[in-house]
C-alpha atoms as a PDB file:
ATOM      1  CA  MET A   1       8.163   2.814 -14.072  1.00  0.00           C
ATOM      2  CA  ALA A   2       7.170   5.520 -11.272  1.00  0.00           C
ATOM      3  CA  PRO A   3       7.204   9.286 -12.597  1.00  0.00           C
ATOM      4  CA  GLY A   4       9.712  10.867 -11.226  1.00  0.00           C
ATOM      5  CA  VAL A   5      10.427  14.134 -12.286  1.00  0.00           C
ATOM      6  CA  LEU A   6      12.308  14.072 -15.895  1.00  0.00           C
ATOM      7  CA  ASP A   7       9.418  11.573 -16.425  1.00  0.00           C
ATOM      8  CA  LYS A   8       7.191  14.995 -15.593  1.00  0.00           C
ATOM      9  CA  ALA A   9       9.057  16.386 -18.406  1.00  0.00           C
ATOM     10  CA  LEU A  10       8.537  14.297 -21.036  1.00  0.00           C
ATOM     11  CA  CYS A  11       4.944  14.043 -20.639  1.00  0.00           C
ATOM     12  CA  GLY A  12       5.114  17.558 -22.217  1.00  0.00           C
ATOM     13  CA  LEU A  13       6.504  16.248 -25.221  1.00  0.00           C
ATOM     14  CA  ILE A  14       4.392  15.032 -28.226  1.00  0.00           C
ATOM     15  CA  GLN A  15       5.186  12.007 -29.525  1.00  0.00           C
ATOM     16  CA  ARG A  16       4.063  10.773 -32.517  1.00  0.00           C
ATOM     17  CA  GLU A  17       1.042   7.639 -32.174  1.00  0.00           C
ATOM     18  CA  ASN A  18       1.402   4.318 -32.174  1.00  0.00           C
ATOM     19  CA  PRO A  19      -1.215   1.429 -32.111  1.00  0.00           C
ATOM     20  CA  ASN A  20       1.304  -1.107 -30.982  1.00  0.00           C
ATOM     21  CA  LEU A  21       1.941   1.097 -27.560  1.00  0.00           C
ATOM     22  CA  ILE A  22      -0.274  -0.092 -25.361  1.00  0.00           C
ATOM     23  CA  ALA A  23       0.619   2.062 -21.929  1.00  0.00           C
ATOM     24  CA  GLY A  24       3.930   4.945 -22.718  1.00  0.00           C
ATOM     25  CA  PHE A  25       4.088   7.563 -20.494  1.00  0.00           C
ATOM     26  CA  ASP A  26       1.233   9.462 -21.319  1.00  0.00           C
ATOM     27  CA  LYS A  27      -0.349   8.505 -18.511  1.00  0.00           C
ATOM     28  CA  ALA A  28       0.880   7.609 -15.082  1.00  0.00           C
ATOM     29  CA  GLU A  29       0.930   3.663 -15.462  1.00  0.00           C
ATOM     30  CA  ASP A  30       3.340   1.229 -13.789  1.00  0.00           C
ATOM     31  CA  ALA A  31       5.002   0.039 -17.087  1.00  0.00           C
ATOM     32  CA  GLY A  32       5.117   0.381 -20.032  1.00  0.00           C
ATOM     33  CA  ILE A  33       3.590  -2.173 -22.860  1.00  0.00           C
ATOM     34  CA  TYR A  34       3.810  -2.650 -25.962  1.00  0.00           C
ATOM     35  CA  LYS A  35       1.857  -5.015 -27.717  1.00  0.00           C
ATOM     36  CA  LEU A  36       3.865  -7.256 -30.850  1.00  0.00           C
ATOM     37  CA  THR A  37       1.030  -9.497 -31.766  1.00  0.00           C
ATOM     38  CA  ASP A  38      -2.773 -10.139 -31.045  1.00  0.00           C
ATOM     39  CA  ASP A  39      -1.216 -12.766 -28.153  1.00  0.00           C
ATOM     40  CA  LEU A  40       1.766 -10.977 -27.161  1.00  0.00           C
ATOM     41  CA  ALA A  41       3.281  -7.580 -25.822  1.00  0.00           C
ATOM     42  CA  ILE A  42       6.694  -6.846 -23.882  1.00  0.00           C
ATOM     43  CA  VAL A  43       6.523  -4.770 -20.497  1.00  0.00           C
ATOM     44  CA  GLN A  44       9.079  -2.869 -19.595  1.00  0.00           C
ATOM     45  CA  THR A  45      10.053  -0.831 -16.626  1.00  0.00           C
ATOM     46  CA  LEU A  46      13.727   0.168 -14.516  1.00  0.00           C
ATOM     47  CA  ASP A  47      14.020   1.493 -11.009  1.00  0.00           C
ATOM     48  CA  PHE A  48      17.269   2.690  -9.547  1.00  0.00           C
ATOM     49  CA  PHE A  49      18.083   4.011  -6.294  1.00  0.00           C
ATOM     50  CA  THR A  50      20.867   4.923  -3.628  1.00  0.00           C
ATOM     51  CA  PRO A  51      21.313   2.346  -0.237  1.00  0.00           C
ATOM     52  CA  ILE A  52      18.398   2.406   2.545  1.00  0.00           C
ATOM     53  CA  VAL A  53      20.030  -0.243   3.725  1.00  0.00           C
ATOM     54  CA  ASP A  54      23.542  -0.643   5.358  1.00  0.00           C
ATOM     55  CA  ASP A  55      23.883  -3.827   4.198  1.00  0.00           C
ATOM     56  CA  PRO A  56      24.338  -4.430   0.675  1.00  0.00           C
ATOM     57  CA  TYR A  57      23.440  -7.385   0.190  1.00  0.00           C
ATOM     58  CA  LEU A  58      19.707  -6.589   1.549  1.00  0.00           C
ATOM     59  CA  PHE A  59      20.252  -3.084  -0.091  1.00  0.00           C
ATOM     60  CA  GLY A  60      20.516  -5.541  -3.464  1.00  0.00           C
ATOM     61  CA  GLN A  61      17.585  -7.515  -2.675  1.00  0.00           C
ATOM     62  CA  ILE A  62      15.189  -4.878  -2.100  1.00  0.00           C
ATOM     63  CA  ALA A  63      16.110  -2.474  -5.504  1.00  0.00           C
ATOM     64  CA  VAL A  64      15.302  -6.162  -7.322  1.00  0.00           C
ATOM     65  CA  ALA A  65      12.347  -6.322  -5.602  1.00  0.00           C
ATOM     66  CA  ASN A  66      11.091  -2.429  -5.886  1.00  0.00           C
ATOM     67  CA  ALA A  67      12.123  -2.797  -9.630  1.00  0.00           C
ATOM     68  CA  LEU A  68       9.932  -5.735 -10.662  1.00  0.00           C
ATOM     69  CA  SER A  69       6.991  -4.866  -8.754  1.00  0.00           C
ATOM     70  CA  ASP A  70       5.728  -2.630 -11.800  1.00  0.00           C
ATOM     71  CA  VAL A  71       5.060  -5.489 -13.841  1.00  0.00           C
ATOM     72  CA  TYR A  72       3.636  -7.438 -11.264  1.00  0.00           C
ATOM     73  CA  ALA A  73       1.221  -4.289 -10.287  1.00  0.00           C
ATOM     74  CA  MET A  74       0.069  -4.772 -14.317  1.00  0.00           C
ATOM     75  CA  GLY A  75      -0.700  -8.583 -14.370  1.00  0.00           C
ATOM     76  CA  GLY A  76       2.945  -9.097 -16.793  1.00  0.00           C
ATOM     77  CA  LYS A  77       5.832 -11.679 -16.127  1.00  0.00           C
ATOM     78  CA  PRO A  78       9.130 -10.798 -15.467  1.00  0.00           C
ATOM     79  CA  LEU A  79      11.471 -11.953 -17.744  1.00  0.00           C
ATOM     80  CA  VAL A  80      14.976 -10.236 -18.295  1.00  0.00           C
ATOM     81  CA  ALA A  81      16.839  -7.696 -17.019  1.00  0.00           C
ATOM     82  CA  MET A  82      19.874  -5.969 -17.082  1.00  0.00           C
ATOM     83  CA  ASN A  83      21.949  -4.229 -14.274  1.00  0.00           C
ATOM     84  CA  ILE A  84      21.922  -0.221 -13.409  1.00  0.00           C
ATOM     85  CA  VAL A  85      24.879   0.434 -11.343  1.00  0.00           C
ATOM     86  CA  GLY A  86      27.091   3.614 -10.073  1.00  0.00           C
ATOM     87  CA  PHE A  87      29.278   2.765  -7.711  1.00  0.00           C
ATOM     88  CA  PRO A  88      32.033   4.617  -6.321  1.00  0.00           C
ATOM     89  CA  ILE A  89      35.260   3.117  -6.847  1.00  0.00           C
ATOM     90  CA  LYS A  90      37.271   5.309  -4.817  1.00  0.00           C
ATOM     91  CA  LYS A  91      35.484   5.452  -1.587  1.00  0.00           C
ATOM     92  CA  LEU A  92      34.319   2.231  -1.230  1.00  0.00           C
ATOM     93  CA  ASP A  93      35.732  -1.412  -1.764  1.00  0.00           C
ATOM     94  CA  VAL A  94      34.422  -3.769  -4.753  1.00  0.00           C
ATOM     95  CA  SER A  95      33.752  -6.334  -2.024  1.00  0.00           C
ATOM     96  CA  VAL A  96      30.682  -4.029  -1.304  1.00  0.00           C
ATOM     97  CA  LEU A  97      29.753  -3.916  -5.414  1.00  0.00           C
ATOM     98  CA  ARG A  98      29.916  -7.240  -4.778  1.00  0.00           C
ATOM     99  CA  GLU A  99      27.373  -8.035  -2.195  1.00  0.00           C
ATOM    100  CA  MET A 100      25.136  -5.666  -3.310  1.00  0.00           C
ATOM    101  CA  LEU A 101      25.147  -7.247  -7.217  1.00  0.00           C
ATOM    102  CA  LYS A 102      24.706 -11.185  -5.421  1.00  0.00           C
ATOM    103  CA  GLY A 103      21.789  -9.952  -3.530  1.00  0.00           C
ATOM    104  CA  GLY A 104      20.703  -8.430  -6.346  1.00  0.00           C
ATOM    105  CA  MET A 105      21.131 -12.040  -8.553  1.00  0.00           C
ATOM    106  CA  LYS A 106      19.139 -13.347  -4.950  1.00  0.00           C
ATOM    107  CA  LYS A 107      15.963 -11.932  -5.622  1.00  0.00           C
ATOM    108  CA  MET A 108      16.358 -12.549  -9.227  1.00  0.00           C
ATOM    109  CA  GLU A 109      16.977 -16.335  -9.766  1.00  0.00           C
ATOM    110  CA  GLU A 110      13.797 -16.621  -7.233  1.00  0.00           C
ATOM    111  CA  ALA A 111      11.491 -14.609  -9.300  1.00  0.00           C
ATOM    112  CA  GLU A 112      13.203 -16.751 -12.208  1.00  0.00           C
ATOM    113  CA  VAL A 113      14.044 -13.844 -13.677  1.00  0.00           C
ATOM    114  CA  THR A 114      17.429 -13.892 -16.109  1.00  0.00           C
ATOM    115  CA  LEU A 115      19.813 -11.268 -15.557  1.00  0.00           C
ATOM    116  CA  VAL A 116      21.977 -10.379 -19.633  1.00  0.00           C
ATOM    117  CA  GLY A 117      23.435  -7.757 -19.168  1.00  0.00           C
ATOM    118  CA  GLY A 118      23.625  -4.464 -17.665  1.00  0.00           C
ATOM    119  CA  HIS A 119      26.229  -0.960 -17.360  1.00  0.00           C
ATOM    120  CA  SER A 120      28.049   0.749 -14.737  1.00  0.00           C
ATOM    121  CA  VAL A 121      29.816   4.005 -14.176  1.00  0.00           C
ATOM    122  CA  GLU A 122      31.357   5.330 -11.620  1.00  0.00           C
ATOM    123  CA  ASP A 123      29.714   7.851  -9.746  1.00  0.00           C
ATOM    124  CA  PRO A 124      30.292   9.723  -6.539  1.00  0.00           C
ATOM    125  CA  GLU A 125      27.081   8.669  -4.934  1.00  0.00           C
ATOM    126  CA  LEU A 126      26.632   4.267  -4.489  1.00  0.00           C
ATOM    127  CA  LYS A 127      23.054   3.790  -7.008  1.00  0.00           C
ATOM    128  CA  TYR A 128      21.831   0.482  -7.768  1.00  0.00           C
ATOM    129  CA  GLY A 129      18.707  -0.842  -9.446  1.00  0.00           C
ATOM    130  CA  ILE A 130      17.573  -3.044 -13.216  1.00  0.00           C
ATOM    131  CA  SER A 131      15.896  -2.326 -16.348  1.00  0.00           C
ATOM    132  CA  VAL A 132      13.400  -5.668 -16.723  1.00  0.00           C
ATOM    133  CA  THR A 133      11.610  -6.735 -19.554  1.00  0.00           C
ATOM    134  CA  GLY A 134       8.663  -9.350 -19.297  1.00  0.00           C
ATOM    135  CA  VAL A 135       5.609 -10.663 -21.205  1.00  0.00           C
ATOM    136  CA  ILE A 136       1.519  -9.785 -20.808  1.00  0.00           C
ATOM    137  CA  HIS A 137      -1.171 -11.135 -23.235  1.00  0.00           C
ATOM    138  CA  PRO A 138      -2.525  -7.307 -24.307  1.00  0.00           C
ATOM    139  CA  ASP A 139      -5.951  -8.285 -23.268  1.00  0.00           C
ATOM    140  CA  LYS A 140      -4.704  -9.077 -19.996  1.00  0.00           C
ATOM    141  CA  VAL A 141      -3.549  -5.414 -19.068  1.00  0.00           C
ATOM    142  CA  ILE A 142      -3.853  -4.406 -16.017  1.00  0.00           C
ATOM    143  CA  SER A 143      -4.304  -0.760 -16.141  1.00  0.00           C
ATOM    144  CA  ASN A 144      -4.284   1.498 -12.745  1.00  0.00           C
ATOM    145  CA  ALA A 145      -6.715   3.761 -13.898  1.00  0.00           C
ATOM    146  CA  SER A 146      -9.517   1.245 -14.315  1.00  0.00           C
ATOM    147  CA  ALA A 147     -11.652   0.610 -11.063  1.00  0.00           C
ATOM    148  CA  LYS A 148     -15.154   0.651 -11.176  1.00  0.00           C
ATOM    149  CA  ILE A 149     -17.719   1.857  -8.239  1.00  0.00           C
ATOM    150  CA  GLY A 150     -18.486  -0.609  -5.703  1.00  0.00           C
ATOM    151  CA  ASP A 151     -14.850  -2.266  -6.005  1.00  0.00           C
ATOM    152  CA  LYS A 152     -12.929  -3.030  -3.075  1.00  0.00           C
ATOM    153  CA  VAL A 153      -9.534  -1.664  -2.097  1.00  0.00           C
ATOM    154  CA  ILE A 154      -6.465  -3.837  -0.940  1.00  0.00           C
ATOM    155  CA  LEU A 155      -3.767  -2.961   0.424  1.00  0.00           C
ATOM    156  CA  THR A 156      -1.328  -5.976   0.488  1.00  0.00           C
ATOM    157  CA  LYS A 157       1.568  -4.901   2.733  1.00  0.00           C
ATOM    158  CA  PRO A 158       2.378  -2.402   5.386  1.00  0.00           C
ATOM    159  CA  ILE A 159       2.956   1.011   5.308  1.00  0.00           C
ATOM    160  CA  GLY A 160       5.601   3.196   6.643  1.00  0.00           C
ATOM    161  CA  THR A 161       9.013   2.475   5.394  1.00  0.00           C
ATOM    162  CA  GLY A 162      10.287   5.602   4.566  1.00  0.00           C
ATOM    163  CA  ILE A 163       9.820   6.797   8.110  1.00  0.00           C
ATOM    164  CA  ILE A 164      11.720   4.171   9.100  1.00  0.00           C
ATOM    165  CA  ASN A 165      14.061   4.166   7.510  1.00  0.00           C
ATOM    166  CA  THR A 166      14.491   8.130   7.920  1.00  0.00           C
ATOM    167  CA  ALA A 167      14.854   6.976  11.996  1.00  0.00           C
ATOM    168  CA  LEU A 168      17.220   4.244  11.474  1.00  0.00           C
ATOM    169  CA  LYS A 169      19.625   7.321  10.654  1.00  0.00           C
ATOM    170  CA  PRO A 170      19.613   8.506  13.983  1.00  0.00           C
ATOM    171  CA  GLU A 171      19.581   4.771  14.901  1.00  0.00           C
ATOM    172  CA  LEU A 172      16.204   5.516  16.940  1.00  0.00           C
ATOM    173  CA  VAL A 173      14.719   1.966  14.732  1.00  0.00           C
ATOM    174  CA  ALA A 174      14.779  -1.569  17.311  1.00  0.00           C
ATOM    175  CA  PRO A 175      16.859  -4.437  15.473  1.00  0.00           C
ATOM    176  CA  GLU A 176      12.981  -6.280  15.491  1.00  0.00           C
ATOM    177  CA  ILE A 177      11.179  -3.502  13.455  1.00  0.00           C
ATOM    178  CA  ILE A 178      14.641  -2.821  11.154  1.00  0.00           C
ATOM    179  CA  ASP A 179      14.060  -6.688  10.238  1.00  0.00           C
ATOM    180  CA  LYS A 180      10.458  -6.761   9.388  1.00  0.00           C
ATOM    181  CA  VAL A 181      10.429  -3.287   7.340  1.00  0.00           C
ATOM    182  CA  THR A 182      13.197  -5.558   5.323  1.00  0.00           C
ATOM    183  CA  GLU A 183      11.626  -8.658   5.021  1.00  0.00           C
ATOM    184  CA  SER A 184       8.576  -6.770   3.750  1.00  0.00           C
ATOM    185  CA  MET A 185      10.927  -4.744   1.335  1.00  0.00           C
ATOM    186  CA  ILE A 186      12.914  -7.538   0.247  1.00  0.00           C
ATOM    187  CA  THR A 187       9.333  -9.655  -0.509  1.00  0.00           C
ATOM    188  CA  LEU A 188       8.361 -10.042  -3.953  1.00  0.00           C
ATOM    189  CA  ASN A 189       4.775  -8.854  -5.099  1.00  0.00           C
ATOM    190  CA  ARG A 190       4.816 -11.379  -7.369  1.00  0.00           C
ATOM    191  CA  LYS A 191       2.268 -14.078  -5.269  1.00  0.00           C
ATOM    192  CA  ALA A 192       0.249 -11.466  -4.782  1.00  0.00           C
ATOM    193  CA  SER A 193       0.291 -10.736  -8.500  1.00  0.00           C
ATOM    194  CA  GLU A 194      -0.477 -14.055  -9.822  1.00  0.00           C
ATOM    195  CA  ILE A 195      -3.559 -14.497  -7.182  1.00  0.00           C
ATOM    196  CA  MET A 196      -4.897 -11.123  -8.164  1.00  0.00           C
ATOM    197  CA  GLN A 197      -4.241 -12.487 -11.961  1.00  0.00           C
ATOM    198  CA  GLU A 198      -6.685 -15.299 -11.084  1.00  0.00           C
ATOM    199  CA  PHE A 199      -9.390 -13.970  -9.610  1.00  0.00           C
ATOM    200  CA  GLY A 200      -9.594 -11.117 -11.983  1.00  0.00           C
ATOM    201  CA  VAL A 201      -9.360  -7.260 -10.437  1.00  0.00           C
ATOM    202  CA  ASN A 202     -10.318  -4.378 -12.259  1.00  0.00           C
ATOM    203  CA  ALA A 203      -7.106  -1.510 -11.788  1.00  0.00           C
ATOM    204  CA  CYS A 204      -4.128  -2.155  -9.481  1.00  0.00           C
ATOM    205  CA  THR A 205      -0.676  -0.157  -8.766  1.00  0.00           C
ATOM    206  CA  ASP A 206       2.051  -0.883  -6.370  1.00  0.00           C
ATOM    207  CA  VAL A 207       2.432   1.972  -3.634  1.00  0.00           C
ATOM    208  CA  THR A 208       5.905   3.180  -3.987  1.00  0.00           C
ATOM    209  CA  GLY A 209       7.727   6.711  -3.794  1.00  0.00           C
ATOM    210  CA  PHE A 210       4.605   9.007  -3.696  1.00  0.00           C
ATOM    211  CA  GLY A 211       2.967   7.329  -1.085  1.00  0.00           C
ATOM    212  CA  LEU A 212       0.011   5.521  -0.257  1.00  0.00           C
ATOM    213  CA  LEU A 213      -2.194   8.669  -1.059  1.00  0.00           C
ATOM    214  CA  GLY A 214       0.159   9.609  -4.272  1.00  0.00           C
ATOM    215  CA  HIS A 215      -0.786   6.419  -5.666  1.00  0.00           C
ATOM    216  CA  ALA A 216      -3.939   6.213  -4.913  1.00  0.00           C
ATOM    217  CA  CYS A 217      -4.911  10.038  -6.432  1.00  0.00           C
ATOM    218  CA  GLU A 218      -3.022   7.760 -10.201  1.00  0.00           C
ATOM    219  CA  MET A 219      -5.882   5.501  -9.532  1.00  0.00           C
ATOM    220  CA  VAL A 220      -8.607   8.217  -9.180  1.00  0.00           C
ATOM    221  CA  VAL A 221      -7.270  11.757 -10.786  1.00  0.00           C
ATOM    222  CA  GLU A 222      -5.969   9.989 -14.336  1.00  0.00           C
ATOM    223  CA  ASP A 223      -9.733   8.814 -15.430  1.00  0.00           C
ATOM    224  CA  ALA A 224     -11.996  11.204 -13.002  1.00  0.00           C
ATOM    225  CA  ARG A 225     -14.730   8.671 -13.668  1.00  0.00           C
ATOM    226  CA  VAL A 226     -14.858   7.899  -9.710  1.00  0.00           C
ATOM    227  CA  GLY A 227     -13.482   8.197  -6.151  1.00  0.00           C
ATOM    228  CA  MET A 228     -12.715   6.295  -4.038  1.00  0.00           C
ATOM    229  CA  VAL A 229     -12.857   6.335  -0.029  1.00  0.00           C
ATOM    230  CA  ILE A 230     -10.381   4.808   1.762  1.00  0.00           C
ATOM    231  CA  TYR A 231     -10.566   3.778   6.307  1.00  0.00           C
ATOM    232  CA  PRO A 232      -7.100   5.267   7.612  1.00  0.00           C
ATOM    233  CA  ASP A 233      -8.011   3.008  10.831  1.00  0.00           C
ATOM    234  CA  LYS A 234      -7.762   0.229   8.482  1.00  0.00           C
ATOM    235  CA  ILE A 235      -4.770   0.861   6.390  1.00  0.00           C
ATOM    236  CA  PRO A 236      -1.530  -1.557   8.310  1.00  0.00           C
ATOM    237  CA  ILE A 237       1.318   0.487   9.660  1.00  0.00           C
ATOM    238  CA  PHE A 238       4.815  -1.197  10.630  1.00  0.00           C
ATOM    239  CA  PRO A 239       5.331  -0.634  14.222  1.00  0.00           C
ATOM    240  CA  GLU A 240       6.743   2.450  15.891  1.00  0.00           C
ATOM    241  CA  THR A 241       5.707   4.981  12.304  1.00  0.00           C
ATOM    242  CA  GLU A 242       2.997   6.773  14.175  1.00  0.00           C
ATOM    243  CA  ASN A 243       5.563   7.677  16.991  1.00  0.00           C
ATOM    244  CA  PHE A 244       7.908   8.391  14.284  1.00  0.00           C
ATOM    245  CA  ALA A 245       6.150  10.726  12.011  1.00  0.00           C
ATOM    246  CA  LYS A 246       4.978  12.136  15.766  1.00  0.00           C
ATOM    247  CA  MET A 247       8.418  13.337  16.531  1.00  0.00           C
ATOM    248  CA  GLY A 248       8.806  15.001  13.251  1.00  0.00           C
ATOM    249  CA  ILE A 249      11.161  11.972  11.903  1.00  0.00           C
ATOM    250  CA  VAL A 250       9.338  12.205   7.909  1.00  0.00           C
ATOM    251  CA  PRO A 251      11.916  12.218   5.040  1.00  0.00           C
ATOM    252  CA  ALA A 252      11.254  14.853   2.478  1.00  0.00           C
ATOM    253  CA  GLY A 253       9.766  12.989   0.373  1.00  0.00           C
ATOM    254  CA  ALA A 254       5.983  13.308   2.078  1.00  0.00           C
ATOM    255  CA  TYR A 255       6.240  16.800   2.307  1.00  0.00           C
ATOM    256  CA  ARG A 256       6.425  16.674  -2.009  1.00  0.00           C
ATOM    257  CA  ASN A 257       3.755  13.842  -2.626  1.00  0.00           C
ATOM    258  CA  LYS A 258       1.869  16.241   0.215  1.00  0.00           C
ATOM    259  CA  MET A 259       2.142  19.467  -1.570  1.00  0.00           C
ATOM    260  CA  PHE A 260       1.446  17.688  -5.432  1.00  0.00           C
ATOM    261  CA  ARG A 261      -1.532  16.057  -4.087  1.00  0.00           C
ATOM    262  CA  ILE A 262      -3.396  17.045  -1.110  1.00  0.00           C
ATOM    263  CA  GLY A 263      -5.591  19.028  -3.426  1.00  0.00           C
ATOM    264  CA  PHE A 264      -7.242  16.009  -4.773  1.00  0.00           C
ATOM    265  CA  ILE A 265      -8.072  14.830  -0.555  1.00  0.00           C
ATOM    266  CA  GLU A 266     -11.071  15.413   1.018  1.00  0.00           C
ATOM    267  CA  GLN A 267     -11.118  15.082   4.800  1.00  0.00           C
ATOM    268  CA  GLN A 268     -14.804  13.760   6.208  1.00  0.00           C
ATOM    269  CA  SER A 269     -13.124  14.806   9.601  1.00  0.00           C
ATOM    270  CA  LYS A 270      -9.502  16.942  10.512  1.00  0.00           C
ATOM    271  CA  MET A 271      -6.907  14.366  10.360  1.00  0.00           C
ATOM    272  CA  SER A 272      -3.649  14.840  12.567  1.00  0.00           C
ATOM    273  CA  ASP A 273      -0.495  16.115  10.304  1.00  0.00           C
ATOM    274  CA  TRP A 274       1.206  13.381  11.283  1.00  0.00           C
ATOM    275  CA  MET A 275      -1.204  11.021   9.924  1.00  0.00           C
ATOM    276  CA  MET A 276      -1.414  12.526   6.762  1.00  0.00           C
ATOM    277  CA  ASP A 277       2.365  12.243   7.032  1.00  0.00           C
ATOM    278  CA  ILE A 278       2.448   8.330   6.539  1.00  0.00           C
ATOM    279  CA  LEU A 279      -0.351   8.221   4.049  1.00  0.00           C
ATOM    280  CA  PHE A 280       1.717  10.252   1.957  1.00  0.00           C
ATOM    281  CA  ASP A 281       5.240   8.524   3.160  1.00  0.00           C
ATOM    282  CA  PRO A 282       7.484   7.602   0.096  1.00  0.00           C
ATOM    283  CA  GLN A 283       7.768   3.621   0.082  1.00  0.00           C
ATOM    284  CA  THR A 284      10.174   1.519  -1.038  1.00  0.00           C
ATOM    285  CA  SER A 285       9.175  -2.312  -2.468  1.00  0.00           C
ATOM    286  CA  GLY A 286       5.485  -1.738  -1.155  1.00  0.00           C
ATOM    287  CA  GLY A 287       2.794  -3.419  -1.644  1.00  0.00           C
ATOM    288  CA  LEU A 288       0.266  -3.885  -4.447  1.00  0.00           C
ATOM    289  CA  LEU A 289      -2.954  -1.540  -4.379  1.00  0.00           C
ATOM    290  CA  ILE A 290      -5.579  -4.012  -5.931  1.00  0.00           C
ATOM    291  CA  CYS A 291      -8.653  -2.437  -6.999  1.00  0.00           C
ATOM    292  CA  VAL A 292     -11.549  -5.088  -6.922  1.00  0.00           C
ATOM    293  CA  SER A 293     -15.004  -6.320  -7.082  1.00  0.00           C
ATOM    294  CA  PRO A 294     -16.867  -6.541  -3.860  1.00  0.00           C
ATOM    295  CA  GLU A 295     -17.900 -10.522  -4.882  1.00  0.00           C
ATOM    296  CA  LYS A 296     -14.659 -11.714  -5.133  1.00  0.00           C
ATOM    297  CA  ALA A 297     -13.145  -9.652  -1.946  1.00  0.00           C
ATOM    298  CA  ASP A 298     -13.705 -11.265   0.829  1.00  0.00           C
ATOM    299  CA  THR A 299     -12.442 -14.877  -1.005  1.00  0.00           C
ATOM    300  CA  MET A 300      -9.593 -12.898  -2.779  1.00  0.00           C
ATOM    301  CA  LEU A 301      -8.255 -11.739   0.308  1.00  0.00           C
ATOM    302  CA  GLN A 302      -8.258 -14.912   2.482  1.00  0.00           C
ATOM    303  CA  GLU A 303      -6.520 -16.528  -1.229  1.00  0.00           C
ATOM    304  CA  MET A 304      -4.173 -14.242  -0.336  1.00  0.00           C
ATOM    305  CA  LYS A 305      -3.554 -14.499   3.118  1.00  0.00           C
ATOM    306  CA  LYS A 306      -3.541 -18.233   3.013  1.00  0.00           C
ATOM    307  CA  SER A 307      -0.486 -17.959   0.663  1.00  0.00           C
ATOM    308  CA  GLY A 308       1.231 -15.900   3.041  1.00  0.00           C
ATOM    309  CA  ILE A 309       0.151 -12.270   2.256  1.00  0.00           C
ATOM    310  CA  GLU A 310      -1.022 -12.136   6.002  1.00  0.00           C
ATOM    311  CA  ASN A 311      -0.699  -8.417   6.421  1.00  0.00           C
ATOM    312  CA  THR A 312      -3.843  -8.352   3.314  1.00  0.00           C
ATOM    313  CA  THR A 313      -6.334  -5.374   3.908  1.00  0.00           C
ATOM    314  CA  ILE A 314      -9.299  -3.414   2.487  1.00  0.00           C
ATOM    315  CA  ILE A 315      -8.450  -0.375   3.108  1.00  0.00           C
ATOM    316  CA  GLY A 316     -11.603   1.636   1.245  1.00  0.00           C
ATOM    317  CA  GLU A 317     -13.588   1.473  -1.843  1.00  0.00           C
ATOM    318  CA  ILE A 318     -14.715   3.060  -4.800  1.00  0.00           C
ATOM    319  CA  VAL A 319     -17.576   5.386  -4.962  1.00  0.00           C
ATOM    320  CA  LYS A 320     -19.511   7.928  -7.895  1.00  0.00           C
ATOM    321  CA  GLU A 321     -19.168  10.590  -5.766  1.00  0.00           C
ATOM    322  CA  SER A 322     -16.269  13.168  -5.339  1.00  0.00           C
ATOM    323  CA  LYS A 323     -15.198  11.866  -8.750  1.00  0.00           C
ATOM    324  CA  GLY A 324     -10.916  12.294  -8.862  1.00  0.00           C
ATOM    325  CA  LYS A 325     -11.121  12.610  -4.956  1.00  0.00           C
ATOM    326  CA  ILE A 326      -9.377  10.505  -2.298  1.00  0.00           C
ATOM    327  CA  ILE A 327     -12.022  10.897   0.698  1.00  0.00           C
ATOM    328  CA  LEU A 328     -10.141   9.781   3.955  1.00  0.00           C
ATOM    329  CA  GLN A 329     -13.405   8.628   6.305  1.00  0.00           C
END
């Protein structure tokens, strides 16, 4: 449920207060959460987009993994989903649709999510995603804006998917890098979410369309009680991302992200424009950005790596200085 243009327009509306609404569109949370009882709340989100890979089966998997990530980021358990499809029936064979939906179904089965329906429309451009409903205990919701001073900031996947996918169009990307990035995008954040819940973390979000710095800003700007230090040299980045960024092969979304949030960024030493582009690069099905107490950080990191989340890295910390800002060291 990462906010877009329409979400920002909605934020200007006045909604009647509901005491059962734990998370709504008034804040930049990853999903909506509505309390049903003292022990049960529902988590809802949706996401859909145009293809970023040529293989419809893989695209289906990526789209579903991306949508489920919002529920995982808040500590929820996704249960059911509905397909959202826009399909150019006059341009593409129905076999493309079939393969895309098969890919999506495979990922739902892996996540133990039940497909309960959906809706399709004829559209000039192919689009696919899902709406998701899950459950969570009302007292165990993990917000994106509840970090505490001293927390270590952990990222669970490399960044650079937007730049790599942009470089796919002129066929500049080696097959092994395509495979690596695709594997990351189809990987669920389920295991990372389960581990962070076991340890008990203070805040979390997933890194998607606003890029690493955009989503990091959401963690400190909304409340402005704390600041965040990020160490760019610690951030895992996909191979060749740096070279493509230096060549100017950067998606337009990175520039929009930078324009929107650059005022919240403090550089302790001047950073190259290409590196800033990478930090604002819009991600698809990116990793979780987690804030956890320093006492738990190393052990949780080891547990994630042992569970196969090998790129998990401490990339920063929460500080009392520069409240509401991101400090790049």
